Amino acid sequence: MGWFIQDAWAQAGGQPDPLVSFLPLILIFVVFYFLLIRPQNKRQKEHREMVANLSVGDEVVTAGGVLGKVTELSEQFVQVEVADGVVLKVQRHTIGGVMPKGTVKSA
């Protein structure tokens, strides 16, 4: 049987170094940090700054895709005019982005 299957021999030696056994886990965490955690935190910070810097007259798009112009601001809510005489009250954190001036008229 030695032709097809090699014999298994016990390895001589002691325990492997604990640092070496944790090295793959540490490397995986570092990769996750730089590829997932850090970019997500950066996007959250940029969104918080964008929402904090909203002003009346800004043209915005909500997370639901509604395009309009900011008419009134409060601490938690924003009033967005989506058409002449049609005003929606949305939460501040649902603002997805600030659009360039003139976007509402061209849409």
PDB file of N, CA and C in Angstrom:
ATOM      1  N   MET A   1       0.797  -1.199   0.000  1.00  0.00           N
ATOM      2  CA  MET A   1       0.000   0.000   0.000  1.00  0.00           C
ATOM      3  C   MET A   1       0.842   1.268   0.000  1.00  0.00           C
ATOM      4  N   GLY A   2       2.108   1.148   0.291  1.00  0.00           N
ATOM      5  CA  GLY A   2       2.987   2.301   0.357  1.00  0.00           C
ATOM      6  C   GLY A   2       3.158   2.977  -0.988  1.00  0.00           C
ATOM      7  N   TRP A   3       2.773   2.321  -2.082  1.00  0.00           N
ATOM      8  CA  TRP A   3       2.914   2.936  -3.391  1.00  0.00           C
ATOM      9  C   TRP A   3       1.885   4.026  -3.628  1.00  0.00           C
ATOM     10  N   PHE A   4       0.642   3.807  -3.168  1.00  0.00           N
ATOM     11  CA  PHE A   4      -0.460   4.734  -3.445  1.00  0.00           C
ATOM     12  C   PHE A   4      -0.659   5.783  -2.354  1.00  0.00           C
ATOM     13  N   ILE A   5      -0.495   5.378  -1.136  1.00  0.00           N
ATOM     14  CA  ILE A   5      -0.727   6.282  -0.005  1.00  0.00           C
ATOM     15  C   ILE A   5       0.534   6.326   0.834  1.00  0.00           C
ATOM     16  N   GLN A   6       0.988   7.532   1.101  1.00  0.00           N
ATOM     17  CA  GLN A   6       2.202   7.653   1.903  1.00  0.00           C
ATOM     18  C   GLN A   6       1.871   7.432   3.370  1.00  0.00           C
ATOM     19  N   ASP A   7       2.818   6.914   4.069  1.00  0.00           N
ATOM     20  CA  ASP A   7       2.635   6.681   5.494  1.00  0.00           C
ATOM     21  C   ASP A   7       2.646   8.021   6.238  1.00  0.00           C
ATOM     22  N   ALA A   8       1.815   8.136   7.267  1.00  0.00           N
ATOM     23  CA  ALA A   8       1.758   9.338   8.096  1.00  0.00           C
ATOM     24  C   ALA A   8       2.643   9.140   9.301  1.00  0.00           C
ATOM     25  N   TRP A   9       3.567  10.036   9.476  1.00  0.00           N
ATOM     26  CA  TRP A   9       4.483   9.963  10.602  1.00  0.00           C
ATOM     27  C   TRP A   9       4.233  11.149  11.521  1.00  0.00           C
ATOM     28  N   ALA A  10       4.353  10.924  12.788  1.00  0.00           N
ATOM     29  CA  ALA A  10       4.142  11.990  13.773  1.00  0.00           C
ATOM     30  C   ALA A  10       5.254  13.024  13.654  1.00  0.00           C
ATOM     31  N   GLN A  11       4.902  14.270  13.846  1.00  0.00           N
ATOM     32  CA  GLN A  11       5.868  15.346  13.805  1.00  0.00           C
ATOM     33  C   GLN A  11       6.551  15.475  15.156  1.00  0.00           C
ATOM     34  N   ALA A  12       7.806  15.626  15.117  1.00  0.00           N
ATOM     35  CA  ALA A  12       8.541  15.826  16.358  1.00  0.00           C
ATOM     36  C   ALA A  12       8.593  17.320  16.646  1.00  0.00           C
ATOM     37  N   GLY A  13       8.470  17.697  17.879  1.00  0.00           N
ATOM     38  CA  GLY A  13       8.571  19.109  18.234  1.00  0.00           C
ATOM     39  C   GLY A  13       7.543  19.479  19.286  1.00  0.00           C
ATOM     40  N   GLY A  14       7.527  20.767  19.609  1.00  0.00           N
ATOM     41  CA  GLY A  14       6.636  21.257  20.656  1.00  0.00           C
ATOM     42  C   GLY A  14       5.486  22.063  20.088  1.00  0.00           C
ATOM     43  N   GLN A  15       4.922  22.904  20.929  1.00  0.00           N
ATOM     44  CA  GLN A  15       3.801  23.756  20.550  1.00  0.00           C
ATOM     45  C   GLN A  15       4.277  24.878  19.627  1.00  0.00           C
ATOM     46  N   PRO A  16       3.448  25.279  18.633  1.00  0.00           N
ATOM     47  CA  PRO A  16       3.840  26.422  17.799  1.00  0.00           C
ATOM     48  C   PRO A  16       3.739  27.723  18.599  1.00  0.00           C
ATOM     49  N   ASP A  17       4.416  28.732  18.143  1.00  0.00           N
ATOM     50  CA  ASP A  17       4.415  30.035  18.798  1.00  0.00           C
ATOM     51  C   ASP A  17       2.997  30.625  18.759  1.00  0.00           C
ATOM     52  N   PRO A  18       2.456  31.093  19.880  1.00  0.00           N
ATOM     53  CA  PRO A  18       1.089  31.640  19.886  1.00  0.00           C
ATOM     54  C   PRO A  18       0.929  32.849  18.959  1.00  0.00           C
ATOM     55  N   LEU A  19       1.950  33.656  18.811  1.00  0.00           N
ATOM     56  CA  LEU A  19       1.868  34.818  17.928  1.00  0.00           C
ATOM     57  C   LEU A  19       1.696  34.377  16.479  1.00  0.00           C
ATOM     58  N   VAL A  20       2.401  33.340  16.102  1.00  0.00           N
ATOM     59  CA  VAL A  20       2.302  32.837  14.738  1.00  0.00           C
ATOM     60  C   VAL A  20       0.918  32.251  14.481  1.00  0.00           C
ATOM     61  N   SER A  21       0.309  31.633  15.465  1.00  0.00           N
ATOM     62  CA  SER A  21      -1.024  31.064  15.277  1.00  0.00           C
ATOM     63  C   SER A  21      -2.104  32.152  15.195  1.00  0.00           C
ATOM     64  N   PHE A  22      -1.877  33.323  15.810  1.00  0.00           N
ATOM     65  CA  PHE A  22      -2.843  34.417  15.743  1.00  0.00           C
ATOM     66  C   PHE A  22      -2.578  35.378  14.583  1.00  0.00           C
ATOM     67  N   LEU A  23      -1.451  35.224  13.922  1.00  0.00           N
ATOM     68  CA  LEU A  23      -1.082  36.119  12.837  1.00  0.00           C
ATOM     69  C   LEU A  23      -2.120  36.164  11.711  1.00  0.00           C
ATOM     70  N   PRO A  24      -2.680  35.048  11.237  1.00  0.00           N
ATOM     71  CA  PRO A  24      -3.718  35.151  10.198  1.00  0.00           C
ATOM     72  C   PRO A  24      -4.952  35.917  10.663  1.00  0.00           C
ATOM     73  N   LEU A  25      -5.358  35.739  11.901  1.00  0.00           N
ATOM     74  CA  LEU A  25      -6.512  36.463  12.443  1.00  0.00           C
ATOM     75  C   LEU A  25      -6.239  37.964  12.504  1.00  0.00           C
ATOM     76  N   ILE A  26      -5.026  38.323  12.901  1.00  0.00           N
ATOM     77  CA  ILE A  26      -4.649  39.730  12.965  1.00  0.00           C
ATOM     78  C   ILE A  26      -4.633  40.327  11.560  1.00  0.00           C
ATOM     79  N   LEU A  27      -4.093  39.612  10.605  1.00  0.00           N
ATOM     80  CA  LEU A  27      -4.052  40.096   9.228  1.00  0.00           C
ATOM     81  C   LEU A  27      -5.452  40.283   8.649  1.00  0.00           C
ATOM     82  N   ILE A  28      -6.357  39.367   8.946  1.00  0.00           N
ATOM     83  CA  ILE A  28      -7.740  39.488   8.468  1.00  0.00           C
ATOM     84  C   ILE A  28      -8.391  40.736   9.058  1.00  0.00           C
ATOM     85  N   PHE A  29      -8.166  40.999  10.349  1.00  0.00           N
ATOM     86  CA  PHE A  29      -8.746  42.184  10.971  1.00  0.00           C
ATOM     87  C   PHE A  29      -8.196  43.458  10.338  1.00  0.00           C
ATOM     88  N   VAL A  30      -6.888  43.497  10.054  1.00  0.00           N
ATOM     89  CA  VAL A  30      -6.278  44.681   9.437  1.00  0.00           C
ATOM     90  C   VAL A  30      -6.877  44.912   8.055  1.00  0.00           C
ATOM     91  N   VAL A  31      -7.046  43.854   7.274  1.00  0.00           N
ATOM     92  CA  VAL A  31      -7.635  43.984   5.943  1.00  0.00           C
ATOM     93  C   VAL A  31      -9.072  44.494   6.047  1.00  0.00           C
ATOM     94  N   PHE A  32      -9.867  43.940   6.966  1.00  0.00           N
ATOM     95  CA  PHE A  32     -11.248  44.403   7.153  1.00  0.00           C
ATOM     96  C   PHE A  32     -11.283  45.867   7.568  1.00  0.00           C
ATOM     97  N   TYR A  33     -10.353  46.279   8.419  1.00  0.00           N
ATOM     98  CA  TYR A  33     -10.343  47.660   8.860  1.00  0.00           C
ATOM     99  C   TYR A  33     -10.128  48.608   7.682  1.00  0.00           C
ATOM    100  N   PHE A  34      -9.117  48.323   6.866  1.00  0.00           N
ATOM    101  CA  PHE A  34      -8.797  49.238   5.778  1.00  0.00           C
ATOM    102  C   PHE A  34      -9.754  49.141   4.600  1.00  0.00           C
ATOM    103  N   LEU A  35     -10.394  48.007   4.381  1.00  0.00           N
ATOM    104  CA  LEU A  35     -11.291  47.868   3.237  1.00  0.00           C
ATOM    105  C   LEU A  35     -12.763  48.121   3.568  1.00  0.00           C
ATOM    106  N   LEU A  36     -13.164  47.956   4.823  1.00  0.00           N
ATOM    107  CA  LEU A  36     -14.579  48.095   5.170  1.00  0.00           C
ATOM    108  C   LEU A  36     -14.845  49.160   6.233  1.00  0.00           C
ATOM    109  N   ILE A  37     -14.204  49.060   7.358  1.00  0.00           N
ATOM    110  CA  ILE A  37     -14.544  49.902   8.506  1.00  0.00           C
ATOM    111  C   ILE A  37     -14.135  51.357   8.263  1.00  0.00           C
ATOM    112  N   ARG A  38     -12.893  51.595   7.846  1.00  0.00           N
ATOM    113  CA  ARG A  38     -12.401  52.960   7.649  1.00  0.00           C
ATOM    114  C   ARG A  38     -13.165  53.726   6.573  1.00  0.00           C
ATOM    115  N   PRO A  39     -13.422  53.141   5.383  1.00  0.00           N
ATOM    116  CA  PRO A  39     -14.200  53.884   4.388  1.00  0.00           C
ATOM    117  C   PRO A  39     -15.631  54.179   4.844  1.00  0.00           C
ATOM    118  N   GLN A  40     -16.253  53.248   5.574  1.00  0.00           N
ATOM    119  CA  GLN A  40     -17.614  53.484   6.058  1.00  0.00           C
ATOM    120  C   GLN A  40     -17.645  54.638   7.049  1.00  0.00           C
ATOM    121  N   ASN A  41     -16.676  54.688   7.955  1.00  0.00           N
ATOM    122  CA  ASN A  41     -16.615  55.801   8.916  1.00  0.00           C
ATOM    123  C   ASN A  41     -16.395  57.127   8.201  1.00  0.00           C
ATOM    124  N   LYS A  42     -15.586  57.119   7.150  1.00  0.00           N
ATOM    125  CA  LYS A  42     -15.337  58.336   6.382  1.00  0.00           C
ATOM    126  C   LYS A  42     -16.616  58.821   5.706  1.00  0.00           C
ATOM    127  N   ARG A  43     -17.395  57.893   5.111  1.00  0.00           N
ATOM    128  CA  ARG A  43     -18.667  58.275   4.469  1.00  0.00           C
ATOM    129  C   ARG A  43     -19.657  58.816   5.490  1.00  0.00           C
ATOM    130  N   GLN A  44     -19.721  58.199   6.675  1.00  0.00           N
ATOM    131  CA  GLN A  44     -20.623  58.686   7.718  1.00  0.00           C
ATOM    132  C   GLN A  44     -20.241  60.096   8.162  1.00  0.00           C
ATOM    133  N   LYS A  45     -18.958  60.368   8.304  1.00  0.00           N
ATOM    134  CA  LYS A  45     -18.503  61.693   8.714  1.00  0.00           C
ATOM    135  C   LYS A  45     -18.859  62.729   7.649  1.00  0.00           C
ATOM    136  N   GLU A  46     -18.647  62.397   6.374  1.00  0.00           N
ATOM    137  CA  GLU A  46     -18.984  63.323   5.294  1.00  0.00           C
ATOM    138  C   GLU A  46     -20.488  63.600   5.253  1.00  0.00           C
ATOM    139  N   HIS A  47     -21.318  62.579   5.488  1.00  0.00           N
ATOM    140  CA  HIS A  47     -22.775  62.769   5.479  1.00  0.00           C
ATOM    141  C   HIS A  47     -23.206  63.656   6.637  1.00  0.00           C
ATOM    142  N   ARG A  48     -22.632  63.428   7.834  1.00  0.00           N
ATOM    143  CA  ARG A  48     -22.964  64.269   8.994  1.00  0.00           C
ATOM    144  C   ARG A  48     -22.612  65.734   8.718  1.00  0.00           C
ATOM    145  N   GLU A  49     -21.448  65.965   8.115  1.00  0.00           N
ATOM    146  CA  GLU A  49     -21.042  67.344   7.805  1.00  0.00           C
ATOM    147  C   GLU A  49     -21.964  67.959   6.761  1.00  0.00           C
ATOM    148  N   MET A  50     -22.359  67.179   5.756  1.00  0.00           N
ATOM    149  CA  MET A  50     -23.245  67.689   4.704  1.00  0.00           C
ATOM    150  C   MET A  50     -24.605  68.068   5.296  1.00  0.00           C
ATOM    151  N   VAL A  51     -25.143  67.223   6.160  1.00  0.00           N
ATOM    152  CA  VAL A  51     -26.449  67.500   6.775  1.00  0.00           C
ATOM    153  C   VAL A  51     -26.339  68.703   7.719  1.00  0.00           C
ATOM    154  N   ALA A  52     -25.236  68.833   8.421  1.00  0.00           N
ATOM    155  CA  ALA A  52     -25.063  69.961   9.337  1.00  0.00           C
ATOM    156  C   ALA A  52     -24.915  71.290   8.581  1.00  0.00           C
ATOM    157  N   ASN A  53     -24.392  71.244   7.355  1.00  0.00           N
ATOM    158  CA  ASN A  53     -24.161  72.474   6.589  1.00  0.00           C
ATOM    159  C   ASN A  53     -25.294  72.815   5.627  1.00  0.00           C
ATOM    160  N   LEU A  54     -26.447  72.159   5.745  1.00  0.00           N
ATOM    161  CA  LEU A  54     -27.581  72.497   4.889  1.00  0.00           C
ATOM    162  C   LEU A  54     -28.034  73.927   5.162  1.00  0.00           C
ATOM    163  N   SER A  55     -28.487  74.586   4.112  1.00  0.00           N
ATOM    164  CA  SER A  55     -29.022  75.936   4.280  1.00  0.00           C
ATOM    165  C   SER A  55     -30.248  76.096   3.381  1.00  0.00           C
ATOM    166  N   VAL A  56     -31.057  77.103   3.689  1.00  0.00           N
ATOM    167  CA  VAL A  56     -32.258  77.379   2.906  1.00  0.00           C
ATOM    168  C   VAL A  56     -31.829  77.746   1.490  1.00  0.00           C
ATOM    169  N   GLY A  57     -32.497  77.156   0.511  1.00  0.00           N
ATOM    170  CA  GLY A  57     -32.180  77.413  -0.880  1.00  0.00           C
ATOM    171  C   GLY A  57     -31.344  76.320  -1.524  1.00  0.00           C
ATOM    172  N   ASP A  58     -30.773  75.432  -0.712  1.00  0.00           N
ATOM    173  CA  ASP A  58     -30.011  74.305  -1.271  1.00  0.00           C
ATOM    174  C   ASP A  58     -30.953  73.359  -2.005  1.00  0.00           C
ATOM    175  N   GLU A  59     -30.486  72.816  -3.102  1.00  0.00           N
ATOM    176  CA  GLU A  59     -31.254  71.807  -3.829  1.00  0.00           C
ATOM    177  C   GLU A  59     -30.716  70.449  -3.411  1.00  0.00           C
ATOM    178  N   VAL A  60     -31.629  69.604  -2.927  1.00  0.00           N
ATOM    179  CA  VAL A  60     -31.226  68.332  -2.342  1.00  0.00           C
ATOM    180  C   VAL A  60     -32.008  67.177  -2.956  1.00  0.00           C
ATOM    181  N   VAL A  61     -31.476  65.986  -2.776  1.00  0.00           N
ATOM    182  CA  VAL A  61     -32.180  64.764  -3.123  1.00  0.00           C
ATOM    183  C   VAL A  61     -32.240  63.924  -1.845  1.00  0.00           C
ATOM    184  N   THR A  62     -33.418  63.367  -1.572  1.00  0.00           N
ATOM    185  CA  THR A  62     -33.577  62.546  -0.379  1.00  0.00           C
ATOM    186  C   THR A  62     -33.135  61.122  -0.671  1.00  0.00           C
ATOM    187  N   ALA A  63     -33.061  60.313   0.378  1.00  0.00           N
ATOM    188  CA  ALA A  63     -32.682  58.911   0.213  1.00  0.00           C
ATOM    189  C   ALA A  63     -33.702  58.172  -0.638  1.00  0.00           C
ATOM    190  N   GLY A  64     -34.920  58.639  -0.669  1.00  0.00           N
ATOM    191  CA  GLY A  64     -35.961  58.018  -1.491  1.00  0.00           C
ATOM    192  C   GLY A  64     -35.957  58.489  -2.930  1.00  0.00           C
ATOM    193  N   GLY A  65     -35.094  59.457  -3.257  1.00  0.00           N
ATOM    194  CA  GLY A  65     -34.975  59.925  -4.622  1.00  0.00           C
ATOM    195  C   GLY A  65     -35.805  61.145  -4.947  1.00  0.00           C
ATOM    196  N   VAL A  66     -36.382  61.796  -3.944  1.00  0.00           N
ATOM    197  CA  VAL A  66     -37.188  62.993  -4.167  1.00  0.00           C
ATOM    198  C   VAL A  66     -36.263  64.197  -4.283  1.00  0.00           C
ATOM    199  N   LEU A  67     -36.417  64.955  -5.361  1.00  0.00           N
ATOM    200  CA  LEU A  67     -35.580  66.122  -5.627  1.00  0.00           C
ATOM    201  C   LEU A  67     -36.355  67.384  -5.283  1.00  0.00           C
ATOM    202  N   GLY A  68     -35.730  68.296  -4.558  1.00  0.00           N
ATOM    203  CA  GLY A  68     -36.418  69.528  -4.199  1.00  0.00           C
ATOM    204  C   GLY A  68     -35.475  70.567  -3.636  1.00  0.00           C
ATOM    205  N   LYS A  69     -36.072  71.696  -3.251  1.00  0.00           N
ATOM    206  CA  LYS A  69     -35.316  72.833  -2.721  1.00  0.00           C
ATOM    207  C   LYS A  69     -35.685  73.017  -1.247  1.00  0.00           C
ATOM    208  N   VAL A  70     -34.686  73.217  -0.405  1.00  0.00           N
ATOM    209  CA  VAL A  70     -34.899  73.412   1.032  1.00  0.00           C
ATOM    210  C   VAL A  70     -35.540  74.767   1.248  1.00  0.00           C
ATOM    211  N   THR A  71     -36.683  74.758   1.975  1.00  0.00           N
ATOM    212  CA  THR A  71     -37.369  76.017   2.266  1.00  0.00           C
ATOM    213  C   THR A  71     -37.311  76.389   3.741  1.00  0.00           C
ATOM    214  N   GLU A  72     -37.131  75.399   4.597  1.00  0.00           N
ATOM    215  CA  GLU A  72     -37.091  75.679   6.036  1.00  0.00           C
ATOM    216  C   GLU A  72     -36.294  74.577   6.719  1.00  0.00           C
ATOM    217  N   LEU A  73     -35.521  74.965   7.733  1.00  0.00           N
ATOM    218  CA  LEU A  73     -34.699  74.021   8.488  1.00  0.00           C
ATOM    219  C   LEU A  73     -35.065  74.053   9.955  1.00  0.00           C
ATOM    220  N   SER A  74     -35.069  72.898  10.588  1.00  0.00           N
ATOM    221  CA  SER A  74     -35.171  72.816  12.041  1.00  0.00           C
ATOM    222  C   SER A  74     -34.122  71.802  12.500  1.00  0.00           C
ATOM    223  N   GLU A  75     -34.095  71.546  13.789  1.00  0.00           N
ATOM    224  CA  GLU A  75     -33.057  70.664  14.321  1.00  0.00           C
ATOM    225  C   GLU A  75     -33.178  69.241  13.778  1.00  0.00           C
ATOM    226  N   GLN A  76     -34.391  68.724  13.662  1.00  0.00           N
ATOM    227  CA  GLN A  76     -34.594  67.344  13.223  1.00  0.00           C
ATOM    228  C   GLN A  76     -35.185  67.217  11.816  1.00  0.00           C
ATOM    229  N   PHE A  77     -35.877  68.245  11.347  1.00  0.00           N
ATOM    230  CA  PHE A  77     -36.614  68.138  10.088  1.00  0.00           C
ATOM    231  C   PHE A  77     -36.212  69.230   9.106  1.00  0.00           C
ATOM    232  N   VAL A  78     -36.473  68.938   7.822  1.00  0.00           N
ATOM    233  CA  VAL A  78     -36.211  69.872   6.740  1.00  0.00           C
ATOM    234  C   VAL A  78     -37.471  69.919   5.882  1.00  0.00           C
ATOM    235  N   GLN A  79     -37.896  71.125   5.507  1.00  0.00           N
ATOM    236  CA  GLN A  79     -39.015  71.232   4.573  1.00  0.00           C
ATOM    237  C   GLN A  79     -38.442  71.411   3.175  1.00  0.00           C
ATOM    238  N   VAL A  80     -38.875  70.520   2.265  1.00  0.00           N
ATOM    239  CA  VAL A  80     -38.357  70.503   0.901  1.00  0.00           C
ATOM    240  C   VAL A  80     -39.510  70.785  -0.051  1.00  0.00           C
ATOM    241  N   GLU A  81     -39.360  71.817  -0.881  1.00  0.00           N
ATOM    242  CA  GLU A  81     -40.376  72.128  -1.887  1.00  0.00           C
ATOM    243  C   GLU A  81     -40.045  71.325  -3.144  1.00  0.00           C
ATOM    244  N   VAL A  82     -40.975  70.404  -3.507  1.00  0.00           N
ATOM    245  CA  VAL A  82     -40.733  69.530  -4.653  1.00  0.00           C
ATOM    246  C   VAL A  82     -41.410  70.044  -5.916  1.00  0.00           C
ATOM    247  N   ALA A  83     -42.414  70.895  -5.780  1.00  0.00           N
ATOM    248  CA  ALA A  83     -43.105  71.532  -6.906  1.00  0.00           C
ATOM    249  C   ALA A  83     -43.697  72.834  -6.368  1.00  0.00           C
ATOM    250  N   ASP A  84     -44.257  73.658  -7.249  1.00  0.00           N
ATOM    251  CA  ASP A  84     -44.854  74.911  -6.798  1.00  0.00           C
ATOM    252  C   ASP A  84     -45.995  74.622  -5.839  1.00  0.00           C
ATOM    253  N   GLY A  85     -45.851  75.061  -4.596  1.00  0.00           N
ATOM    254  CA  GLY A  85     -46.891  74.881  -3.595  1.00  0.00           C
ATOM    255  C   GLY A  85     -46.900  73.509  -2.932  1.00  0.00           C
ATOM    256  N   VAL A  86     -46.003  72.606  -3.283  1.00  0.00           N
ATOM    257  CA  VAL A  86     -45.950  71.271  -2.675  1.00  0.00           C
ATOM    258  C   VAL A  86     -44.685  71.188  -1.821  1.00  0.00           C
ATOM    259  N   VAL A  87     -44.898  71.110  -0.500  1.00  0.00           N
ATOM    260  CA  VAL A  87     -43.781  71.075   0.438  1.00  0.00           C
ATOM    261  C   VAL A  87     -43.842  69.785   1.237  1.00  0.00           C
ATOM    262  N   LEU A  88     -42.720  69.080   1.289  1.00  0.00           N
ATOM    263  CA  LEU A  88     -42.610  67.855   2.081  1.00  0.00           C
ATOM    264  C   LEU A  88     -41.744  68.121   3.294  1.00  0.00           C
ATOM    265  N   LYS A  89     -42.123  67.517   4.412  1.00  0.00           N
ATOM    266  CA  LYS A  89     -41.321  67.622   5.622  1.00  0.00           C
ATOM    267  C   LYS A  89     -40.615  66.277   5.798  1.00  0.00           C
ATOM    268  N   VAL A  90     -39.279  66.299   5.749  1.00  0.00           N
ATOM    269  CA  VAL A  90     -38.502  65.071   5.866  1.00  0.00           C
ATOM    270  C   VAL A  90     -37.484  65.221   6.991  1.00  0.00           C
ATOM    271  N   GLN A  91     -37.024  64.088   7.506  1.00  0.00           N
ATOM    272  CA  GLN A  91     -35.999  64.131   8.538  1.00  0.00           C
ATOM    273  C   GLN A  91     -34.659  64.510   7.914  1.00  0.00           C
ATOM    274  N   ARG A  92     -33.850  65.196   8.699  1.00  0.00           N
ATOM    275  CA  ARG A  92     -32.567  65.687   8.188  1.00  0.00           C
ATOM    276  C   ARG A  92     -31.671  64.567   7.682  1.00  0.00           C
ATOM    277  N   HIS A  93     -31.627  63.455   8.418  1.00  0.00           N
ATOM    278  CA  HIS A  93     -30.694  62.400   8.041  1.00  0.00           C
ATOM    279  C   HIS A  93     -31.106  61.653   6.772  1.00  0.00           C
ATOM    280  N   THR A  94     -32.326  61.911   6.263  1.00  0.00           N
ATOM    281  CA  THR A  94     -32.730  61.255   5.017  1.00  0.00           C
ATOM    282  C   THR A  94     -32.291  62.022   3.780  1.00  0.00           C
ATOM    283  N   ILE A  95     -31.641  63.158   3.973  1.00  0.00           N
ATOM    284  CA  ILE A  95     -31.107  63.891   2.828  1.00  0.00           C
ATOM    285  C   ILE A  95     -29.907  63.102   2.304  1.00  0.00           C
ATOM    286  N   GLY A  96     -29.991  62.695   1.046  1.00  0.00           N
ATOM    287  CA  GLY A  96     -28.936  61.878   0.463  1.00  0.00           C
ATOM    288  C   GLY A  96     -27.796  62.675  -0.107  1.00  0.00           C
ATOM    289  N   GLY A  97     -28.079  63.879  -0.585  1.00  0.00           N
ATOM    290  CA  GLY A  97     -27.005  64.685  -1.159  1.00  0.00           C
ATOM    291  C   GLY A  97     -27.481  66.055  -1.557  1.00  0.00           C
ATOM    292  N   VAL A  98     -26.534  66.963  -1.647  1.00  0.00           N
ATOM    293  CA  VAL A  98     -26.816  68.322  -2.112  1.00  0.00           C
ATOM    294  C   VAL A  98     -26.469  68.365  -3.595  1.00  0.00           C
ATOM    295  N   MET A  99     -27.424  68.830  -4.401  1.00  0.00           N
ATOM    296  CA  MET A  99     -27.253  68.877  -5.852  1.00  0.00           C
ATOM    297  C   MET A  99     -26.767  70.269  -6.270  1.00  0.00           C
ATOM    298  N   PRO A 100     -26.172  70.372  -7.464  1.00  0.00           N
ATOM    299  CA  PRO A 100     -25.752  71.693  -7.956  1.00  0.00           C
ATOM    300  C   PRO A 100     -26.959  72.597  -8.221  1.00  0.00           C
ATOM    301  N   LYS A 101     -26.747  73.889  -8.091  1.00  0.00           N
ATOM    302  CA  LYS A 101     -27.836  74.857  -8.340  1.00  0.00           C
ATOM    303  C   LYS A 101     -28.371  74.691  -9.764  1.00  0.00           C
ATOM    304  N   GLY A 102     -29.691  74.780  -9.911  1.00  0.00           N
ATOM    305  CA  GLY A 102     -30.334  74.636 -11.213  1.00  0.00           C
ATOM    306  C   GLY A 102     -30.772  73.228 -11.557  1.00  0.00           C
ATOM    307  N   THR A 103     -30.510  72.285 -10.673  1.00  0.00           N
ATOM    308  CA  THR A 103     -30.880  70.895 -10.945  1.00  0.00           C
ATOM    309  C   THR A 103     -32.387  70.716 -10.930  1.00  0.00           C
ATOM    310  N   VAL A 104     -33.078  71.395 -10.012  1.00  0.00           N
ATOM    311  CA  VAL A 104     -34.532  71.242  -9.908  1.00  0.00           C
ATOM    312  C   VAL A 104     -35.215  71.765 -11.170  1.00  0.00           C
ATOM    313  N   LYS A 105     -34.764  72.886 -11.687  1.00  0.00           N
ATOM    314  CA  LYS A 105     -35.384  73.458 -12.889  1.00  0.00           C
ATOM    315  C   LYS A 105     -35.131  72.595 -14.115  1.00  0.00           C
ATOM    316  N   SER A 106     -33.965  71.972 -14.198  1.00  0.00           N
ATOM    317  CA  SER A 106     -33.644  71.182 -15.388  1.00  0.00           C
ATOM    318  C   SER A 106     -34.290  69.795 -15.347  1.00  0.00           C
ATOM    319  N   ALA A 107     -34.748  69.351 -14.175  1.00  0.00           N
ATOM    320  CA  ALA A 107     -35.339  68.012 -14.048  1.00  0.00           C
ATOM    321  C   ALA A 107     -36.788  67.984 -14.457  1.00  0.00           C
TER     322      ALA A 107
END
